[in-house]
């Protein structure tokens, strides 16, 4: 797809890469499906970088506007799912 991932210039290179990996996991949930545990690991790292709810919402909304993929819906389904399940939107 042709869009840019949202990120902050204040983040380290590693943090930018980890946030992009989270958004790639969201894409994967829509396109093929992703294991809940893999998504949970990427989400936990994302929350280490972006702990605030308002900042999380800001970056996820930017991503959704660019891609059409809702991080909120994927994370909601992940939280409602059993360990070991496949998250597929």
N, C-alpha and C. Protein backbone atom coordinates (compact mmCIF):
# COMPACT_ATOMS: atom_id res chain seq x y z
N UNK A 1 0.83 -1.18 0.00
CA UNK A 1 0.00 0.00 0.00
C UNK A 1 0.88 1.25 0.00
N UNK A 2 0.32 2.30 -0.48
CA UNK A 2 1.04 3.56 -0.59
C UNK A 2 0.56 4.55 0.47
N UNK A 3 1.09 4.44 1.66
CA UNK A 3 0.80 5.41 2.70
C UNK A 3 1.94 5.42 3.69
N UNK A 4 1.98 6.44 4.51
CA UNK A 4 3.02 6.56 5.52
C UNK A 4 2.48 6.18 6.89
N UNK A 5 3.35 5.59 7.67
CA UNK A 5 2.98 5.25 9.04
C UNK A 5 3.20 6.47 9.93
N UNK A 6 2.30 6.70 10.88
CA UNK A 6 2.49 7.83 11.79
C UNK A 6 3.60 7.54 12.80
N UNK A 7 4.42 8.54 13.07
CA UNK A 7 5.45 8.40 14.09
C UNK A 7 5.86 9.78 14.58
N UNK A 8 6.62 9.79 15.66
CA UNK A 8 7.10 11.05 16.25
C UNK A 8 8.59 11.18 16.01
N UNK A 9 9.02 12.39 15.72
CA UNK A 9 10.44 12.66 15.54
C UNK A 9 11.21 12.51 16.86
N UNK A 10 10.49 12.48 17.97
CA UNK A 10 11.12 12.34 19.29
C UNK A 10 11.51 10.90 19.61
N UNK A 11 11.01 9.94 18.84
CA UNK A 11 11.29 8.54 19.12
C UNK A 11 12.64 8.15 18.56
N UNK A 12 13.24 7.13 19.20
CA UNK A 12 14.48 6.56 18.68
C UNK A 12 14.16 5.73 17.43
N UNK A 13 15.18 5.37 16.69
CA UNK A 13 15.00 4.53 15.50
C UNK A 13 14.31 3.22 15.87
N UNK A 14 14.73 2.62 16.96
CA UNK A 14 14.14 1.36 17.43
C UNK A 14 12.66 1.54 17.74
N UNK A 15 12.31 2.64 18.39
CA UNK A 15 10.90 2.89 18.72
C UNK A 15 10.07 3.08 17.46
N UNK A 16 10.59 3.80 16.47
CA UNK A 16 9.88 3.99 15.20
C UNK A 16 9.64 2.63 14.55
N UNK A 17 10.67 1.80 14.52
CA UNK A 17 10.54 0.46 13.91
C UNK A 17 9.49 -0.36 14.65
N UNK A 18 9.50 -0.31 15.97
CA UNK A 18 8.54 -1.09 16.76
C UNK A 18 7.09 -0.61 16.57
N UNK A 19 6.90 0.69 16.44
CA UNK A 19 5.55 1.22 16.18
C UNK A 19 5.10 0.78 14.78
N UNK A 20 5.99 0.83 13.82
CA UNK A 20 5.65 0.38 12.46
C UNK A 20 5.31 -1.11 12.48
N UNK A 21 6.03 -1.90 13.26
CA UNK A 21 5.72 -3.34 13.37
C UNK A 21 4.32 -3.55 13.93
N UNK A 22 3.91 -2.71 14.89
CA UNK A 22 2.55 -2.81 15.42
C UNK A 22 1.53 -2.52 14.31
N UNK A 23 1.74 -1.44 13.56
CA UNK A 23 0.79 -1.12 12.49
C UNK A 23 0.80 -2.19 11.39
N UNK A 24 1.95 -2.78 11.14
CA UNK A 24 2.00 -3.90 10.18
C UNK A 24 1.21 -5.09 10.70
N UNK A 25 1.21 -5.30 12.00
CA UNK A 25 0.42 -6.38 12.61
C UNK A 25 -1.08 -6.10 12.44
N UNK A 26 -1.47 -4.83 12.53
CA UNK A 26 -2.87 -4.45 12.29
C UNK A 26 -3.24 -4.77 10.84
N UNK A 27 -2.36 -4.42 9.91
CA UNK A 27 -2.59 -4.74 8.50
C UNK A 27 -2.75 -6.24 8.31
N UNK A 28 -1.87 -7.00 8.95
CA UNK A 28 -1.90 -8.45 8.83
C UNK A 28 -3.23 -9.02 9.34
N UNK A 29 -3.75 -8.45 10.42
CA UNK A 29 -5.04 -8.90 10.97
C UNK A 29 -6.15 -8.74 9.93
N UNK A 30 -6.08 -7.70 9.14
CA UNK A 30 -7.10 -7.48 8.11
C UNK A 30 -6.84 -8.32 6.86
N UNK A 31 -5.59 -8.49 6.51
CA UNK A 31 -5.28 -9.12 5.23
C UNK A 31 -5.22 -10.65 5.29
N UNK A 32 -4.59 -11.21 6.35
CA UNK A 32 -4.43 -12.66 6.42
C UNK A 32 -4.86 -13.25 7.75
N UNK A 33 -4.77 -12.44 8.77
CA UNK A 33 -4.98 -12.93 10.13
C UNK A 33 -3.64 -12.99 10.84
N UNK A 34 -3.67 -12.84 12.15
CA UNK A 34 -2.46 -12.85 12.97
C UNK A 34 -2.76 -13.55 14.28
N UNK A 35 -1.78 -14.28 14.78
CA UNK A 35 -1.95 -14.95 16.06
C UNK A 35 -2.10 -13.90 17.17
N UNK A 36 -3.02 -14.15 18.08
CA UNK A 36 -3.29 -13.22 19.16
C UNK A 36 -2.04 -12.90 19.96
N UNK A 37 -1.23 -13.92 20.24
CA UNK A 37 -0.05 -13.71 21.08
C UNK A 37 0.98 -12.81 20.38
N UNK A 38 1.13 -12.97 19.08
CA UNK A 38 2.05 -12.11 18.32
C UNK A 38 1.56 -10.67 18.33
N UNK A 39 0.26 -10.49 18.12
CA UNK A 39 -0.33 -9.15 18.14
C UNK A 39 -0.21 -8.53 19.54
N UNK A 40 -0.45 -9.31 20.57
CA UNK A 40 -0.36 -8.82 21.94
C UNK A 40 1.06 -8.34 22.25
N UNK A 41 2.05 -9.08 21.80
CA UNK A 41 3.45 -8.70 22.01
C UNK A 41 3.75 -7.35 21.35
N UNK A 42 3.28 -7.18 20.12
CA UNK A 42 3.51 -5.92 19.40
C UNK A 42 2.72 -4.77 20.04
N UNK A 43 1.52 -5.07 20.52
CA UNK A 43 0.71 -4.03 21.18
C UNK A 43 1.36 -3.60 22.50
N UNK A 44 1.86 -4.54 23.26
CA UNK A 44 2.52 -4.19 24.53
C UNK A 44 3.72 -3.28 24.29
N UNK A 45 4.50 -3.58 23.26
CA UNK A 45 5.65 -2.73 22.93
C UNK A 45 5.18 -1.34 22.49
N UNK A 46 4.13 -1.31 21.68
CA UNK A 46 3.54 -0.05 21.22
C UNK A 46 3.13 0.80 22.43
N UNK A 47 2.52 0.17 23.44
CA UNK A 47 2.09 0.88 24.64
C UNK A 47 3.26 1.34 25.51
N UNK A 48 4.41 0.65 25.43
CA UNK A 48 5.60 1.13 26.13
C UNK A 48 6.07 2.46 25.52
N UNK A 49 5.95 2.56 24.21
CA UNK A 49 6.39 3.76 23.49
C UNK A 49 5.35 4.87 23.60
N UNK A 50 4.08 4.48 23.52
CA UNK A 50 2.96 5.44 23.56
C UNK A 50 2.03 5.04 24.70
N UNK A 51 2.40 5.36 25.94
CA UNK A 51 1.58 4.91 27.08
C UNK A 51 0.26 5.65 27.25
N UNK A 52 0.19 6.90 26.81
CA UNK A 52 -1.02 7.69 27.02
C UNK A 52 -2.14 7.32 26.06
N UNK A 53 -3.36 7.27 26.60
CA UNK A 53 -4.54 6.93 25.81
C UNK A 53 -4.78 7.93 24.68
N UNK A 54 -4.62 9.23 24.98
CA UNK A 54 -4.88 10.25 23.95
C UNK A 54 -3.86 10.18 22.83
N UNK A 55 -2.58 9.91 23.16
CA UNK A 55 -1.56 9.77 22.12
C UNK A 55 -1.80 8.50 21.30
N UNK A 56 -2.19 7.42 21.98
CA UNK A 56 -2.50 6.18 21.27
C UNK A 56 -3.63 6.44 20.26
N UNK A 57 -4.66 7.12 20.72
CA UNK A 57 -5.80 7.41 19.85
C UNK A 57 -5.37 8.27 18.66
N UNK A 58 -4.51 9.26 18.92
CA UNK A 58 -4.04 10.15 17.87
C UNK A 58 -3.30 9.36 16.77
N UNK A 59 -2.34 8.52 17.17
CA UNK A 59 -1.56 7.78 16.19
C UNK A 59 -2.40 6.71 15.48
N UNK A 60 -3.29 6.07 16.21
CA UNK A 60 -4.15 5.05 15.60
C UNK A 60 -5.14 5.69 14.62
N UNK A 61 -5.66 6.86 14.97
CA UNK A 61 -6.57 7.56 14.05
C UNK A 61 -5.85 8.01 12.78
N UNK A 62 -4.60 8.47 12.94
CA UNK A 62 -3.81 8.85 11.76
C UNK A 62 -3.60 7.63 10.87
N UNK A 63 -3.27 6.50 11.48
CA UNK A 63 -3.06 5.27 10.72
C UNK A 63 -4.34 4.86 10.00
N UNK A 64 -5.47 4.92 10.70
CA UNK A 64 -6.74 4.52 10.09
C UNK A 64 -7.10 5.44 8.93
N UNK A 65 -6.85 6.73 9.09
CA UNK A 65 -7.14 7.69 8.02
C UNK A 65 -6.32 7.37 6.76
N UNK A 66 -5.05 6.99 6.97
CA UNK A 66 -4.16 6.67 5.85
C UNK A 66 -4.48 5.31 5.22
N UNK A 67 -4.75 4.32 6.06
CA UNK A 67 -4.83 2.94 5.58
C UNK A 67 -6.26 2.39 5.45
N UNK A 68 -7.17 2.93 6.25
CA UNK A 68 -8.52 2.37 6.29
C UNK A 68 -8.65 1.24 7.31
N UNK A 69 -7.57 0.90 8.01
CA UNK A 69 -7.58 -0.19 8.99
C UNK A 69 -7.72 0.38 10.39
N UNK A 70 -8.66 -0.15 11.15
CA UNK A 70 -8.93 0.33 12.50
C UNK A 70 -8.13 -0.46 13.55
N UNK A 71 -7.13 0.19 14.11
CA UNK A 71 -6.34 -0.43 15.19
C UNK A 71 -7.25 -0.72 16.38
N UNK A 72 -8.16 0.21 16.66
CA UNK A 72 -9.07 0.05 17.79
C UNK A 72 -9.86 -1.26 17.69
N UNK A 73 -10.43 -1.53 16.53
CA UNK A 73 -11.24 -2.74 16.36
C UNK A 73 -10.41 -4.01 16.49
N UNK A 74 -9.18 -3.98 15.95
CA UNK A 74 -8.30 -5.15 16.04
C UNK A 74 -7.90 -5.40 17.50
N UNK A 75 -7.51 -4.34 18.20
CA UNK A 75 -7.10 -4.49 19.60
C UNK A 75 -8.29 -4.94 20.46
N UNK A 76 -9.46 -4.41 20.18
CA UNK A 76 -10.67 -4.82 20.91
C UNK A 76 -10.91 -6.32 20.72
N UNK A 77 -10.81 -6.79 19.47
CA UNK A 77 -11.02 -8.22 19.21
C UNK A 77 -9.93 -9.05 19.88
N UNK A 78 -8.70 -8.54 19.88
CA UNK A 78 -7.60 -9.25 20.53
C UNK A 78 -7.88 -9.41 22.02
N UNK A 79 -8.32 -8.34 22.66
CA UNK A 79 -8.59 -8.38 24.10
C UNK A 79 -9.75 -9.31 24.44
N UNK A 80 -10.68 -9.47 23.52
CA UNK A 80 -11.84 -10.33 23.74
C UNK A 80 -11.57 -11.79 23.37
N UNK A 81 -10.40 -12.07 22.79
CA UNK A 81 -10.08 -13.42 22.29
C UNK A 81 -9.28 -14.23 23.30
N UNK A 82 -9.30 -15.52 23.09
CA UNK A 82 -8.54 -16.45 23.91
C UNK A 82 -7.09 -16.49 23.45
N UNK A 83 -6.18 -16.82 24.37
CA UNK A 83 -4.78 -17.02 24.02
C UNK A 83 -4.69 -18.11 22.97
N UNK A 84 -3.83 -17.89 21.97
CA UNK A 84 -3.63 -18.88 20.93
C UNK A 84 -4.59 -18.78 19.76
N UNK A 85 -5.54 -17.85 19.82
CA UNK A 85 -6.51 -17.73 18.72
C UNK A 85 -5.96 -16.86 17.59
N UNK A 86 -6.60 -16.96 16.44
CA UNK A 86 -6.24 -16.17 15.27
C UNK A 86 -7.15 -14.96 15.22
N UNK A 87 -6.54 -13.78 15.07
CA UNK A 87 -7.30 -12.55 14.95
C UNK A 87 -7.40 -12.23 13.46
N UNK A 88 -8.62 -12.25 12.94
CA UNK A 88 -8.86 -12.00 11.52
C UNK A 88 -10.05 -11.07 11.40
N UNK A 89 -9.85 -9.96 10.72
CA UNK A 89 -10.91 -8.97 10.55
C UNK A 89 -11.61 -9.18 9.22
